[in-house]
Full PDB file with SEQRES, HELIX, SHEET, SSBOND, CRYST1, ORIGX, SCALE, CONECT and MASTER records, all heavy atoms in Angstrom:
SEQRES   1 A   39  THR LEU CYS GLY ILE ILE THR GLN ALA SER ASP GLY ASN          
SEQRES   2 A   39  ARG ILE GLU GLN ALA PRO CYS ASN MET PRO LEU GLY ASP          
SEQRES   3 A   39  ALA ILE LEU GLN MET ALA ALA ALA HIS GLU GLN GLY LEU          
HELIX    1 AA1 LEU A   24  GLU A   36  1                                  13    
SHEET    1 AA1 2 ILE A   6  GLN A   8  0                                        
SHEET    2 AA1 2 ARG A  14  GLU A  16 -1                                        
CRYST1    1.000    1.000    1.000  90.00  90.00  90.00 P 1           1          
ORIGX1      1.000000  0.000000  0.000000        0.00000                         
ORIGX2      0.000000  1.000000  0.000000        0.00000                         
ORIGX3      0.000000  0.000000  1.000000        0.00000                         
SCALE1      1.000000  0.000000  0.000000        0.00000                         
SCALE2      0.000000  1.000000  0.000000        0.00000                         
SCALE3      0.000000  0.000000  1.000000        0.00000                         
ATOM      1  N   THR A   1     143.004 100.430  70.742  1.00  0.00           N  
ATOM      2  CA  THR A   1     143.332  99.145  71.358  1.00  0.00           C  
ATOM      3  C   THR A   1     144.246  99.389  72.544  1.00  0.00           C  
ATOM      4  O   THR A   1     145.282 100.050  72.410  1.00  0.00           O  
ATOM      5  CB  THR A   1     144.031  98.221  70.350  1.00  0.00           C  
ATOM      6  OG1 THR A   1     143.177  98.027  69.220  1.00  0.00           O  
ATOM      7  CG2 THR A   1     144.348  96.875  70.973  1.00  0.00           C  
ATOM      8  N   LEU A   2     143.854  98.865  73.688  1.00  0.00           N  
ATOM      9  CA  LEU A   2     144.670  98.925  74.901  1.00  0.00           C  
ATOM     10  C   LEU A   2     145.389  97.588  75.024  1.00  0.00           C  
ATOM     11  O   LEU A   2     144.750  96.536  74.989  1.00  0.00           O  
ATOM     12  CB  LEU A   2     143.774  99.168  76.122  1.00  0.00           C  
ATOM     13  CG  LEU A   2     144.432  99.102  77.493  1.00  0.00           C  
ATOM     14  CD1 LEU A   2     145.523 100.164  77.631  1.00  0.00           C  
ATOM     15  CD2 LEU A   2     143.389  99.256  78.580  1.00  0.00           C  
ATOM     16  N   CYS A   3     146.703  97.617  75.126  1.00  0.00           N  
ATOM     17  CA  CYS A   3     147.447  96.360  75.231  1.00  0.00           C  
ATOM     18  C   CYS A   3     148.655  96.527  76.152  1.00  0.00           C  
ATOM     19  O   CYS A   3     149.090  97.643  76.428  1.00  0.00           O  
ATOM     20  CB  CYS A   3     147.886  95.884  73.848  1.00  0.00           C  
ATOM     21  SG  CYS A   3     148.804  97.092  72.906  1.00  0.00           S  
ATOM     22  N   GLY A   4     149.168  95.405  76.631  1.00  0.00           N  
ATOM     23  CA  GLY A   4     150.396  95.394  77.412  1.00  0.00           C  
ATOM     24  C   GLY A   4     150.247  95.491  78.911  1.00  0.00           C  
ATOM     25  O   GLY A   4     151.248  95.613  79.615  1.00  0.00           O  
ATOM     26  N   ILE A   5     149.040  95.413  79.441  1.00  0.00           N  
ATOM     27  CA  ILE A   5     148.864  95.440  80.897  1.00  0.00           C  
ATOM     28  C   ILE A   5     149.122  94.042  81.434  1.00  0.00           C  
ATOM     29  O   ILE A   5     148.568  93.062  80.948  1.00  0.00           O  
ATOM     30  CB  ILE A   5     147.460  95.937  81.277  1.00  0.00           C  
ATOM     31  CG1 ILE A   5     147.307  97.401  80.848  1.00  0.00           C  
ATOM     32  CG2 ILE A   5     147.218  95.778  82.784  1.00  0.00           C  
ATOM     33  CD1 ILE A   5     145.940  97.986  81.115  1.00  0.00           C  
ATOM     34  N   ILE A   6     149.974  93.960  82.447  1.00  0.00           N  
ATOM     35  CA  ILE A   6     150.366  92.676  83.031  1.00  0.00           C  
ATOM     36  C   ILE A   6     149.627  92.479  84.355  1.00  0.00           C  
ATOM     37  O   ILE A   6     149.614  93.365  85.209  1.00  0.00           O  
ATOM     38  CB  ILE A   6     151.883  92.621  83.291  1.00  0.00           C  
ATOM     39  CG1 ILE A   6     152.679  92.936  82.030  1.00  0.00           C  
ATOM     40  CG2 ILE A   6     152.287  91.280  83.888  1.00  0.00           C  
ATOM     41  CD1 ILE A   6     152.521  91.950  80.907  1.00  0.00           C  
ATOM     42  N   THR A   7     149.005  91.332  84.505  1.00  0.00           N  
ATOM     43  CA  THR A   7     148.365  90.969  85.768  1.00  0.00           C  
ATOM     44  C   THR A   7     149.115  89.773  86.347  1.00  0.00           C  
ATOM     45  O   THR A   7     149.982  89.194  85.695  1.00  0.00           O  
ATOM     46  CB  THR A   7     146.884  90.602  85.562  1.00  0.00           C  
ATOM     47  OG1 THR A   7     146.800  89.514  84.653  1.00  0.00           O  
ATOM     48  CG2 THR A   7     146.101  91.763  85.012  1.00  0.00           C  
ATOM     49  N   GLN A   8     148.756  89.407  87.533  1.00  0.00           N  
ATOM     50  CA  GLN A   8     149.406  88.268  88.166  1.00  0.00           C  
ATOM     51  C   GLN A   8     148.351  87.253  88.558  1.00  0.00           C  
ATOM     52  O   GLN A   8     147.373  87.584  89.230  1.00  0.00           O  
ATOM     53  CB  GLN A   8     150.197  88.715  89.389  1.00  0.00           C  
ATOM     54  CG  GLN A   8     151.165  87.685  89.866  1.00  0.00           C  
ATOM     55  CD  GLN A   8     152.232  88.293  90.748  1.00  0.00           C  
ATOM     56  OE1 GLN A   8     152.110  89.412  91.222  1.00  0.00           O  
ATOM     57  NE2 GLN A   8     153.288  87.560  90.980  1.00  0.00           N  
ATOM     58  N   ALA A   9     148.544  86.035  88.111  1.00  0.00           N  
ATOM     59  CA  ALA A   9     147.614  84.954  88.429  1.00  0.00           C  
ATOM     60  C   ALA A   9     147.798  84.533  89.885  1.00  0.00           C  
ATOM     61  O   ALA A   9     148.805  84.856  90.523  1.00  0.00           O  
ATOM     62  CB  ALA A   9     147.848  83.762  87.500  1.00  0.00           C  
ATOM     63  N   SER A  10     146.839  83.787  90.397  1.00  0.00           N  
ATOM     64  CA  SER A  10     146.912  83.351  91.796  1.00  0.00           C  
ATOM     65  C   SER A  10     148.123  82.453  92.051  1.00  0.00           C  
ATOM     66  O   SER A  10     148.604  82.381  93.169  1.00  0.00           O  
ATOM     67  CB  SER A  10     145.625  82.617  92.185  1.00  0.00           C  
ATOM     68  OG  SER A  10     145.422  81.504  91.332  1.00  0.00           O  
ATOM     69  N   ASP A  11     148.649  81.795  91.002  1.00  0.00           N  
ATOM     70  CA  ASP A  11     149.829  80.948  91.183  1.00  0.00           C  
ATOM     71  C   ASP A  11     151.132  81.748  91.066  1.00  0.00           C  
ATOM     72  O   ASP A  11     152.220  81.190  91.128  1.00  0.00           O  
ATOM     73  CB  ASP A  11     149.834  79.791  90.186  1.00  0.00           C  
ATOM     74  CG  ASP A  11     149.919  80.245  88.738  1.00  0.00           C  
ATOM     75  OD1 ASP A  11     150.015  81.468  88.479  1.00  0.00           O  
ATOM     76  OD2 ASP A  11     149.886  79.370  87.860  1.00  0.00           O  
ATOM     77  N   GLY A  12     151.015  83.082  90.893  1.00  0.00           N  
ATOM     78  CA  GLY A  12     152.192  83.938  90.852  1.00  0.00           C  
ATOM     79  C   GLY A  12     152.727  84.229  89.467  1.00  0.00           C  
ATOM     80  O   GLY A  12     153.619  85.052  89.314  1.00  0.00           O  
ATOM     81  N   ASN A  13     152.219  83.544  88.458  1.00  0.00           N  
ATOM     82  CA  ASN A  13     152.679  83.801  87.090  1.00  0.00           C  
ATOM     83  C   ASN A  13     152.174  85.138  86.592  1.00  0.00           C  
ATOM     84  O   ASN A  13     151.063  85.554  86.900  1.00  0.00           O  
ATOM     85  CB  ASN A  13     152.191  82.700  86.137  1.00  0.00           C  
ATOM     86  CG  ASN A  13     152.892  81.388  86.381  1.00  0.00           C  
ATOM     87  OD1 ASN A  13     154.058  81.374  86.767  1.00  0.00           O  
ATOM     88  ND2 ASN A  13     152.197  80.295  86.163  1.00  0.00           N  
ATOM     89  N   ARG A  14     153.020  85.806  85.811  1.00  0.00           N  
ATOM     90  CA  ARG A  14     152.631  87.077  85.209  1.00  0.00           C  
ATOM     91  C   ARG A  14     151.922  86.783  83.891  1.00  0.00           C  
ATOM     92  O   ARG A  14     152.406  86.015  83.089  1.00  0.00           O  
ATOM     93  CB  ARG A  14     153.862  87.949  84.991  1.00  0.00           C  
ATOM     94  CG  ARG A  14     154.504  88.362  86.303  1.00  0.00           C  
ATOM     95  CD  ARG A  14     155.886  88.963  86.122  1.00  0.00           C  
ATOM     96  NE  ARG A  14     155.981  89.976  85.089  1.00  0.00           N  
ATOM     97  CZ  ARG A  14     155.734  91.276  85.262  1.00  0.00           C  
ATOM     98  NH1 ARG A  14     155.382  91.710  86.455  1.00  0.00           N  
ATOM     99  NH2 ARG A  14     155.872  92.141  84.281  1.00  0.00           N  
ATOM    100  N   ILE A  15     150.785  87.414  83.698  1.00  0.00           N  
ATOM    101  CA  ILE A  15     149.970  87.183  82.508  1.00  0.00           C  
ATOM    102  C   ILE A  15     149.646  88.530  81.874  1.00  0.00           C  
ATOM    103  O   ILE A  15     149.198  89.450  82.547  1.00  0.00           O  
ATOM    104  CB  ILE A  15     148.647  86.480  82.875  1.00  0.00           C  
ATOM    105  CG1 ILE A  15     148.931  85.149  83.566  1.00  0.00           C  
ATOM    106  CG2 ILE A  15     147.766  86.293  81.651  1.00  0.00           C  
ATOM    107  CD1 ILE A  15     147.713  84.518  84.187  1.00  0.00           C  
ATOM    108  N   GLU A  16     149.880  88.616  80.560  1.00  0.00           N  
ATOM    109  CA  GLU A  16     149.501  89.838  79.857  1.00  0.00           C  
ATOM    110  C   GLU A  16     148.031  89.736  79.485  1.00  0.00           C  
ATOM    111  O   GLU A  16     147.588  88.740  78.914  1.00  0.00           O  
ATOM    112  CB  GLU A  16     150.337  90.032  78.590  1.00  0.00           C  
ATOM    113  CG  GLU A  16     150.001  91.317  77.876  1.00  0.00           C  
ATOM    114  CD  GLU A  16     150.903  91.613  76.693  1.00  0.00           C  
ATOM    115  OE1 GLU A  16     151.971  90.988  76.577  1.00  0.00           O  
ATOM    116  OE2 GLU A  16     150.532  92.477  75.894  1.00  0.00           O  
ATOM    117  N   GLN A  17     147.277  90.762  79.841  1.00  0.00           N  
ATOM    118  CA  GLN A  17     145.867  90.789  79.462  1.00  0.00           C  
ATOM    119  C   GLN A  17     145.763  90.841  77.944  1.00  0.00           C  
ATOM    120  O   GLN A  17     146.607  91.438  77.273  1.00  0.00           O  
ATOM    121  CB  GLN A  17     145.163  92.007  80.054  1.00  0.00           C  
ATOM    122  CG  GLN A  17     145.001  91.948  81.540  1.00  0.00           C  
ATOM    123  CD  GLN A  17     144.261  93.170  82.072  1.00  0.00           C  
ATOM    124  OE1 GLN A  17     143.968  94.116  81.365  1.00  0.00           O  
ATOM    125  NE2 GLN A  17     143.965  93.143  83.360  1.00  0.00           N  
ATOM    126  N   ALA A  18     144.739  90.232  77.413  1.00  0.00           N  
ATOM    127  CA  ALA A  18     144.518  90.270  75.972  1.00  0.00           C  
ATOM    128  C   ALA A  18     144.263  91.704  75.536  1.00  0.00           C  
ATOM    129  O   ALA A  18     143.633  92.477  76.261  1.00  0.00           O  
ATOM    130  CB  ALA A  18     143.321  89.394  75.603  1.00  0.00           C  
ATOM    131  N   PRO A  19     144.766  92.090  74.361  1.00  0.00           N  
ATOM    132  CA  PRO A  19     144.455  93.430  73.855  1.00  0.00           C  
ATOM    133  C   PRO A  19     142.941  93.624  73.797  1.00  0.00           C  
ATOM    134  O   PRO A  19     142.189  92.687  73.519  1.00  0.00           O  
ATOM    135  CB  PRO A  19     145.058  93.434  72.451  1.00  0.00           C  
ATOM    136  CG  PRO A  19     146.133  92.398  72.512  1.00  0.00           C  
ATOM    137  CD  PRO A  19     145.606  91.340  73.446  1.00  0.00           C  
ATOM    138  N   CYS A  20     142.517  94.814  74.088  1.00  0.00           N  
ATOM    139  CA  CYS A  20     141.087  95.099  74.175  1.00  0.00           C  
ATOM    140  C   CYS A  20     140.760  96.336  73.349  1.00  0.00           C  
ATOM    141  O   CYS A  20     141.394  97.373  73.513  1.00  0.00           O  
ATOM    142  CB  CYS A  20     140.728  95.312  75.637  1.00  0.00           C  
ATOM    143  SG  CYS A  20     138.984  95.529  75.930  1.00  0.00           S  
ATOM    144  N   ASN A  21     139.774  96.213  72.468  1.00  0.00           N  
ATOM    145  CA  ASN A  21     139.319  97.344  71.658  1.00  0.00           C  
ATOM    146  C   ASN A  21     138.212  98.080  72.400  1.00  0.00           C  
ATOM    147  O   ASN A  21     137.301  97.453  72.931  1.00  0.00           O  
ATOM    148  CB  ASN A  21     138.801  96.866  70.311  1.00  0.00           C  
ATOM    149  CG  ASN A  21     139.890  96.273  69.462  1.00  0.00           C  
ATOM    150  OD1 ASN A  21     141.027  96.704  69.509  1.00  0.00           O  
ATOM    151  ND2 ASN A  21     139.556  95.271  68.681  1.00  0.00           N  
ATOM    152  N   MET A  22     138.321  99.405  72.411  1.00  0.00           N  
ATOM    153  CA  MET A  22     137.338 100.247  73.078  1.00  0.00           C  
ATOM    154  C   MET A  22     137.531 101.673  72.582  1.00  0.00           C  
ATOM    155  O   MET A  22     138.533 101.965  71.931  1.00  0.00           O  
ATOM    156  CB  MET A  22     137.508 100.162  74.596  1.00  0.00           C  
ATOM    157  CG  MET A  22     138.835 100.667  75.116  1.00  0.00           C  
ATOM    158  SD  MET A  22     139.069 100.449  76.896  1.00  0.00           S  
ATOM    159  CE  MET A  22     139.360  98.700  77.005  1.00  0.00           C  
ATOM    160  N   PRO A  23     136.614 102.568  72.902  1.00  0.00           N  
ATOM    161  CA  PRO A  23     136.821 103.972  72.528  1.00  0.00           C  
ATOM    162  C   PRO A  23     138.110 104.521  73.142  1.00  0.00           C  
ATOM    163  O   PRO A  23     138.500 104.128  74.248  1.00  0.00           O  
ATOM    164  CB  PRO A  23     135.591 104.684  73.093  1.00  0.00           C  
ATOM    165  CG  PRO A  23     134.543 103.614  73.161  1.00  0.00           C  
ATOM    166  CD  PRO A  23     135.300 102.359  73.522  1.00  0.00           C  
ATOM    167  N   LEU A  24     138.759 105.416  72.431  1.00  0.00           N  
ATOM    168  CA  LEU A  24     140.038 105.986  72.857  1.00  0.00           C  
ATOM    169  C   LEU A  24     139.980 106.550  74.271  1.00  0.00           C  
ATOM    170  O   LEU A  24     140.859 106.270  75.094  1.00  0.00           O  
ATOM    171  CB  LEU A  24     140.469 107.069  71.869  1.00  0.00           C  
ATOM    172  CG  LEU A  24     141.709 107.873  72.208  1.00  0.00           C  
ATOM    173  CD1 LEU A  24     142.929 106.968  72.307  1.00  0.00           C  
ATOM    174  CD2 LEU A  24     141.926 108.969  71.190  1.00  0.00           C  
ATOM    175  N   GLY A  25     138.976 107.338  74.578  1.00  0.00           N  
ATOM    176  CA  GLY A  25     138.870 107.927  75.909  1.00  0.00           C  
ATOM    177  C   GLY A  25     138.770 106.881  76.999  1.00  0.00           C  
ATOM    178  O   GLY A  25     139.410 106.992  78.051  1.00  0.00           O  
ATOM    179  N   ASP A  26     137.998 105.832  76.746  1.00  0.00           N  
ATOM    180  CA  ASP A  26     137.862 104.759  77.724  1.00  0.00           C  
ATOM    181  C   ASP A  26     139.178 104.002  77.896  1.00  0.00           C  
ATOM    182  O   ASP A  26     139.524 103.596  79.008  1.00  0.00           O  
ATOM    183  CB  ASP A  26     136.759 103.795  77.304  1.00  0.00           C  
ATOM    184  CG  ASP A  26     135.372 104.420  77.367  1.00  0.00           C  
ATOM    185  OD1 ASP A  26     135.229 105.516  77.961  1.00  0.00           O  
ATOM    186  OD2 ASP A  26     134.436 103.826  76.808  1.00  0.00           O  
ATOM    187  N   ALA A  27     139.913 103.819  76.798  1.00  0.00           N  
ATOM    188  CA  ALA A  27     141.200 103.123  76.876  1.00  0.00           C  
ATOM    189  C   ALA A  27     142.191 103.901  77.737  1.00  0.00           C  
ATOM    190  O   ALA A  27     142.919 103.316  78.548  1.00  0.00           O  
ATOM    191  CB  ALA A  27     141.762 102.903  75.470  1.00  0.00           C  
ATOM    192  N   ILE A  28     142.210 105.206  77.590  1.00  0.00           N  
ATOM    193  CA  ILE A  28     143.100 106.048  78.398  1.00  0.00           C  
ATOM    194  C   ILE A  28     142.711 105.956  79.870  1.00  0.00           C  
ATOM    195  O   ILE A  28     143.566 105.788  80.747  1.00  0.00           O  
ATOM    196  CB  ILE A  28     143.065 107.505  77.900  1.00  0.00           C  
ATOM    197  CG1 ILE A  28     143.685 107.585  76.503  1.00  0.00           C  
ATOM    198  CG2 ILE A  28     143.782 108.438  78.882  1.00  0.00           C  
ATOM    199  CD1 ILE A  28     143.459 108.908  75.793  1.00  0.00           C  
ATOM    200  N   LEU A  29     141.425 106.027  80.158  1.00  0.00           N  
ATOM    201  CA  LEU A  29     140.960 105.913  81.542  1.00  0.00           C  
ATOM    202  C   LEU A  29     141.240 104.527  82.119  1.00  0.00           C  
ATOM    203  O   LEU A  29     141.590 104.390  83.294  1.00  0.00           O  
ATOM    204  CB  LEU A  29     139.463 106.236  81.627  1.00  0.00           C  
ATOM    205  CG  LEU A  29     139.081 107.688  81.361  1.00  0.00           C  
ATOM    206  CD1 LEU A  29     137.563 107.837  81.311  1.00  0.00           C  
ATOM    207  CD2 LEU A  29     139.687 108.614  82.409  1.00  0.00           C  
ATOM    208  N   GLN A  30     141.092 103.490  81.302  1.00  0.00           N  
ATOM    209  CA  GLN A  30     141.361 102.118  81.744  1.00  0.00           C  
ATOM    210  C   GLN A  30     142.836 101.954  82.089  1.00  0.00           C  
ATOM    211  O   GLN A  30     143.186 101.303  83.068  1.00  0.00           O  
ATOM    212  CB  GLN A  30     140.944 101.126  80.658  1.00  0.00           C  
ATOM    213  CG  GLN A  30     141.051  99.687  81.066  1.00  0.00           C  
ATOM    214  CD  GLN A  30     140.055  99.294  82.129  1.00  0.00           C  
ATOM    215  OE1 GLN A  30     138.982  99.870  82.222  1.00  0.00           O  
ATOM    216  NE2 GLN A  30     140.403  98.326  82.940  1.00  0.00           N  
ATOM    217  N   MET A  31     143.716 102.538  81.283  1.00  0.00           N  
ATOM    218  CA  MET A  31     145.153 102.492  81.558  1.00  0.00           C  
ATOM    219  C   MET A  31     145.439 103.163  82.893  1.00  0.00           C  
ATOM    220  O   MET A  31     146.168 102.624  83.724  1.00  0.00           O  
ATOM    221  CB  MET A  31     145.923 103.201  80.450  1.00  0.00           C  
ATOM    222  CG  MET A  31     147.381 103.446  80.760  1.00  0.00           C  
ATOM    223  SD  MET A  31     148.457 102.089  80.379  1.00  0.00           S  
ATOM    224  CE  MET A  31     148.619 102.361  78.627  1.00  0.00           C  
ATOM    225  N   ALA A  32     144.866 104.329  83.120  1.00  0.00           N  
ATOM    226  CA  ALA A  32     145.085 105.045  84.379  1.00  0.00           C  
ATOM    227  C   ALA A  32     144.553 104.237  85.560  1.00  0.00           C  
ATOM    228  O   ALA A  32     145.203 104.159  86.608  1.00  0.00           O  
ATOM    229  CB  ALA A  32     144.420 106.419  84.329  1.00  0.00           C  
ATOM    230  N   ALA A  33     143.398 103.613  85.398  1.00  0.00           N  
ATOM    231  CA  ALA A  33     142.815 102.805  86.474  1.00  0.00           C  
ATOM    232  C   ALA A  33     143.691 101.589  86.780  1.00  0.00           C  
ATOM    233  O   ALA A  33     143.919 101.255  87.947  1.00  0.00           O  
ATOM    234  CB  ALA A  33     141.406 102.361  86.096  1.00  0.00           C  
ATOM    235  N   ALA A  34     144.203 100.934  85.751  1.00  0.00           N  
ATOM    236  CA  ALA A  34     145.081  99.772  85.949  1.00  0.00           C  
ATOM    237  C   ALA A  34     146.348 100.185  86.692  1.00  0.00           C  
ATOM    238  O   ALA A  34     146.822  99.480  87.598  1.00  0.00           O  
ATOM    239  CB  ALA A  34     145.422  99.136  84.608  1.00  0.00           C  
ATOM    240  N   HIS A  35     146.876 101.335  86.336  1.00  0.00           N  
ATOM    241  CA  HIS A  35     148.079 101.847  87.009  1.00  0.00           C  
ATOM    242  C   HIS A  35     147.775 102.117  88.485  1.00  0.00           C  
ATOM    243  O   HIS A  35     148.567 101.742  89.361  1.00  0.00           O  
ATOM    244  CB  HIS A  35     148.554 103.118  86.304  1.00  0.00           C  
ATOM    245  CG  HIS A  35     149.763 103.732  86.927  1.00  0.00           C  
ATOM    246  ND1 HIS A  35     151.021 103.187  86.803  1.00  0.00           N  
ATOM    247  CD2 HIS A  35     149.899 104.838  87.700  1.00  0.00           C  
ATOM    248  CE1 HIS A  35     151.877 103.930  87.467  1.00  0.00           C  
ATOM    249  NE2 HIS A  35     151.222 104.939  88.017  1.00  0.00           N  
ATOM    250  N   GLU A  36     146.647 102.752  88.767  1.00  0.00           N  
ATOM    251  CA  GLU A  36     146.270 103.042  90.160  1.00  0.00           C  
ATOM    252  C   GLU A  36     146.024 101.777  90.964  1.00  0.00           C  
ATOM    253  O   GLU A  36     146.242 101.761  92.171  1.00  0.00           O  
ATOM    254  CB  GLU A  36     145.034 103.934  90.189  1.00  0.00           C  
ATOM    255  CG  GLU A  36     145.326 105.361  89.803  1.00  0.00           C  
ATOM    256  CD  GLU A  36     144.091 106.245  89.871  1.00  0.00           C  
ATOM    257  OE1 GLU A  36     143.096 105.846  90.500  1.00  0.00           O  
ATOM    258  OE2 GLU A  36     144.131 107.336  89.286  1.00  0.00           O  
ATOM    259  N   GLN A  37     145.572 100.712  90.300  1.00  0.00           N  
ATOM    260  CA  GLN A  37     145.324  99.437  90.977  1.00  0.00           C  
ATOM    261  C   GLN A  37     146.606  98.660  91.228  1.00  0.00           C  
ATOM    262  O   GLN A  37     146.583  97.596  91.828  1.00  0.00           O  
ATOM    263  CB  GLN A  37     144.379  98.572  90.149  1.00  0.00           C  
ATOM    264  CG  GLN A  37     142.989  99.131  90.046  1.00  0.00           C  
ATOM    265  CD  GLN A  37     142.151  98.374  89.018  1.00  0.00           C  
ATOM    266  OE1 GLN A  37     142.572  97.359  88.468  1.00  0.00           O  
ATOM    267  NE2 GLN A  37     140.979  98.884  88.744  1.00  0.00           N  
ATOM    268  N   GLY A  38     147.714  99.190  90.749  1.00  0.00           N  
ATOM    269  CA  GLY A  38     148.995  98.538  90.987  1.00  0.00           C  
ATOM    270  C   GLY A  38     149.365  97.492  89.952  1.00  0.00           C  
ATOM    271  O   GLY A  38     150.332  96.752  90.156  1.00  0.00           O  
ATOM    272  N   LEU A  39     148.619  97.410  88.860  1.00  0.00           N  
ATOM    273  CA  LEU A  39     148.980  96.466  87.808  1.00  0.00           C  
ATOM    274  C   LEU A  39     150.215  96.989  87.074  1.00  0.00           C  
ATOM    275  O   LEU A  39     150.468  98.183  87.041  1.00  0.00           O  
ATOM    276  CB  LEU A  39     147.827  96.277  86.829  1.00  0.00           C  
ATOM    277  CG  LEU A  39     146.533  95.717  87.427  1.00  0.00           C  
ATOM    278  CD1 LEU A  39     145.453  95.622  86.361  1.00  0.00           C  
ATOM    279  CD2 LEU A  39     146.778  94.354  88.058  1.00  0.00           C  
TER     280      LEU A  39                                                      
MASTER        0    0    0    1    2    0    0    6  279    1    0    3          
END                                                                             
């Protein structure tokens, strides 16, 4: 489960993405991608 990634809505509010279940390897890559995207 990947959890705790914060995004920002168009109105400026910070929103935590819902926890997401996926294979472990994909979750690690998703975390790295979110970090690179500036989330």
